[in-house]
Amino acid sequence: MKRDFPSATGVSSVVPDGLEALYDNWHFSPAIVAGDTLHLSGIIGADANLAVSDDPETQFVQVFETMAHTLRSAGTDFSRVLEITSYHVDIHAHFAVFSAVKDRYLPEPWCAWTAIGITELLLPAALVEVKATARVD
């Protein structure tokens, strides 16, 4: 589901099916379209019930599956991703697994990427949060 709340400046909100609670309860858009650019909010590896797996790889796959769903809802895909920023709890312990999962989803030529080590995320069991910028038509 794409909710379209265009403003006078042409910015609109993208709220994919299953992510409505983010907009309704947490008061943020999973993504915003401004012109030909899609800005994805930070995505963690939680399911629709905000449950987070104990397995890092499962969390990281969930991040990219949610990202894929959001990209599709906005009419684009991973080939149009320009940049990602990833925020990692215990970055050195899980970086290799995260990087391998990322490479399953993001194609060459590689997008710009900034990886940042942090102490915690809003959901205590979450290991990573990823935000992205992509092109849309």
Protein backbone atom coordinates (compact mmCIF):
# COMPACT_ATOMS: atom_id res chain seq x y z
CA MET A 1 0.00 0.00 0.00
CA LYS A 2 1.36 3.40 -0.89
CA ARG A 3 -0.15 6.25 1.05
CA ASP A 4 0.29 9.45 -0.81
CA PHE A 5 0.23 12.62 1.26
CA PRO A 6 1.71 15.13 -1.16
CA SER A 7 2.61 18.46 0.28
CA ALA A 8 2.78 21.79 -1.50
CA THR A 9 6.45 21.03 -2.17
CA GLY A 10 5.66 17.71 -3.89
CA VAL A 11 6.96 15.50 -1.06
CA SER A 12 4.92 12.34 -0.46
CA SER A 13 4.95 9.55 2.10
CA VAL A 14 5.40 5.87 1.23
CA VAL A 15 3.80 3.45 3.68
CA PRO A 16 4.03 -0.15 2.40
CA ASP A 17 1.53 -2.83 3.43
CA GLY A 18 2.44 -4.14 6.85
CA LEU A 19 4.27 -0.98 7.91
CA GLU A 20 1.21 1.16 8.60
CA ALA A 21 1.83 1.02 12.37
CA LEU A 22 5.07 2.95 11.90
CA TYR A 23 3.15 5.84 10.39
CA ASP A 24 0.10 5.60 12.63
CA ASN A 25 1.71 4.79 15.99
CA TRP A 26 5.28 6.08 15.76
CA HIS A 27 4.47 9.06 13.51
CA PHE A 28 7.08 8.63 10.83
CA SER A 29 7.05 7.53 7.21
CA PRO A 30 8.91 4.38 6.23
CA ALA A 31 9.99 6.39 3.18
CA ILE A 32 9.54 9.82 1.61
CA VAL A 33 9.62 10.67 -2.09
CA ALA A 34 10.97 14.11 -2.95
CA GLY A 35 11.28 14.70 -6.68
CA ASP A 36 13.07 11.69 -8.14
CA THR A 37 14.65 10.65 -4.84
CA LEU A 38 13.36 8.14 -2.28
CA HIS A 39 14.60 8.50 1.31
CA LEU A 40 14.08 5.35 3.39
CA SER A 41 13.89 5.70 7.16
CA GLY A 42 16.10 3.48 9.27
CA ILE A 43 15.08 -0.18 9.04
CA ILE A 44 15.85 -2.74 11.73
CA GLY A 45 15.62 -6.53 11.50
CA ALA A 46 12.22 -6.85 13.19
CA ASP A 47 9.14 -8.57 11.86
CA ALA A 48 5.66 -6.99 11.71
CA ASN A 49 5.19 -7.64 15.44
CA LEU A 50 8.53 -5.94 16.23
CA ALA A 51 10.04 -9.31 17.18
CA VAL A 52 13.78 -9.54 16.58
CA SER A 53 15.56 -12.85 15.96
CA ASP A 54 18.52 -13.87 18.10
CA ASP A 55 20.35 -14.84 14.91
CA PRO A 56 22.30 -11.93 13.36
CA GLU A 57 21.98 -13.22 9.78
CA THR A 58 18.21 -13.58 10.16
CA GLN A 59 18.00 -9.98 11.41
CA PHE A 60 20.10 -8.71 8.52
CA VAL A 61 18.03 -10.58 5.93
CA GLN A 62 14.89 -9.09 7.50
CA VAL A 63 16.37 -5.60 7.11
CA PHE A 64 16.95 -6.09 3.40
CA GLU A 65 13.59 -7.83 2.85
CA THR A 66 11.82 -4.87 4.47
CA MET A 67 13.94 -2.53 2.37
CA ALA A 68 13.01 -4.48 -0.80
CA HIS A 69 9.31 -4.25 0.12
CA THR A 70 9.60 -0.49 0.68
CA LEU A 71 11.52 0.03 -2.56
CA ARG A 72 8.89 -1.96 -4.52
CA SER A 73 6.10 0.05 -2.89
CA ALA A 74 7.73 3.21 -4.21
CA GLY A 75 8.17 1.73 -7.69
CA THR A 76 11.90 1.11 -7.55
CA ASP A 77 14.41 -1.59 -6.55
CA PHE A 78 17.91 -2.25 -5.24
CA SER A 79 19.51 -1.37 -8.59
CA ARG A 80 18.47 2.25 -7.99
CA VAL A 81 19.91 2.56 -4.47
CA LEU A 82 22.42 5.40 -4.33
CA GLU A 83 23.56 5.21 -0.73
CA ILE A 84 23.08 3.31 2.51
CA THR A 85 24.09 4.17 6.06
CA SER A 86 24.22 1.29 8.53
CA TYR A 87 24.35 1.67 12.30
CA HIS A 88 25.82 -1.41 14.04
CA VAL A 89 25.71 -2.56 17.65
CA ASP A 90 29.01 -4.46 18.19
CA ILE A 91 30.13 -3.69 14.64
CA HIS A 92 33.20 -5.94 14.63
CA ALA A 93 31.35 -9.05 15.81
CA HIS A 94 28.75 -9.02 13.00
CA PHE A 95 30.25 -6.95 10.20
CA ALA A 96 31.31 -9.85 7.97
CA VAL A 97 27.85 -11.45 8.14
CA PHE A 98 26.12 -8.12 7.51
CA SER A 99 28.38 -7.38 4.56
CA ALA A 100 27.68 -10.80 3.00
CA VAL A 101 23.91 -10.33 3.37
CA LYS A 102 24.13 -6.80 1.95
CA ASP A 103 25.96 -8.12 -1.10
CA ARG A 104 23.14 -10.62 -1.78
CA TYR A 105 20.73 -7.72 -2.26
CA LEU A 106 22.68 -4.74 -3.57
CA PRO A 107 24.11 -5.22 -7.08
CA GLU A 108 27.20 -3.75 -8.67
CA PRO A 109 28.06 -1.03 -9.24
CA TRP A 110 28.14 -0.72 -5.46
CA CYS A 111 26.31 2.18 -3.90
CA ALA A 112 27.93 4.57 -1.44
CA TRP A 113 27.99 3.09 2.07
CA THR A 114 28.79 4.44 5.52
CA ALA A 115 28.95 1.94 8.42
CA ILE A 116 28.87 3.36 11.95
CA GLY A 117 29.40 1.55 15.25
CA ILE A 118 26.93 2.50 17.99
CA THR A 119 26.13 1.35 21.53
CA GLU A 120 22.41 0.57 21.20
CA LEU A 121 19.22 0.84 19.15
CA LEU A 122 15.63 1.50 20.23
CA LEU A 123 14.77 -2.22 20.30
CA PRO A 124 17.31 -3.78 22.67
CA ALA A 125 17.87 -6.98 20.65
CA ALA A 126 18.37 -5.16 17.34
CA LEU A 127 21.90 -5.31 15.96
CA VAL A 128 21.64 -2.98 12.97
CA GLU A 129 19.58 -0.17 11.51
CA VAL A 130 19.94 0.78 7.84
CA LYS A 131 18.71 3.87 6.05
CA ALA A 132 18.97 4.38 2.31
CA THR A 133 18.52 6.79 -0.57
CA ALA A 134 17.35 5.59 -3.99
CA ARG A 135 16.19 6.97 -7.33
CA VAL A 136 12.57 6.73 -8.45
CA ASP A 137 10.94 7.63 -11.76
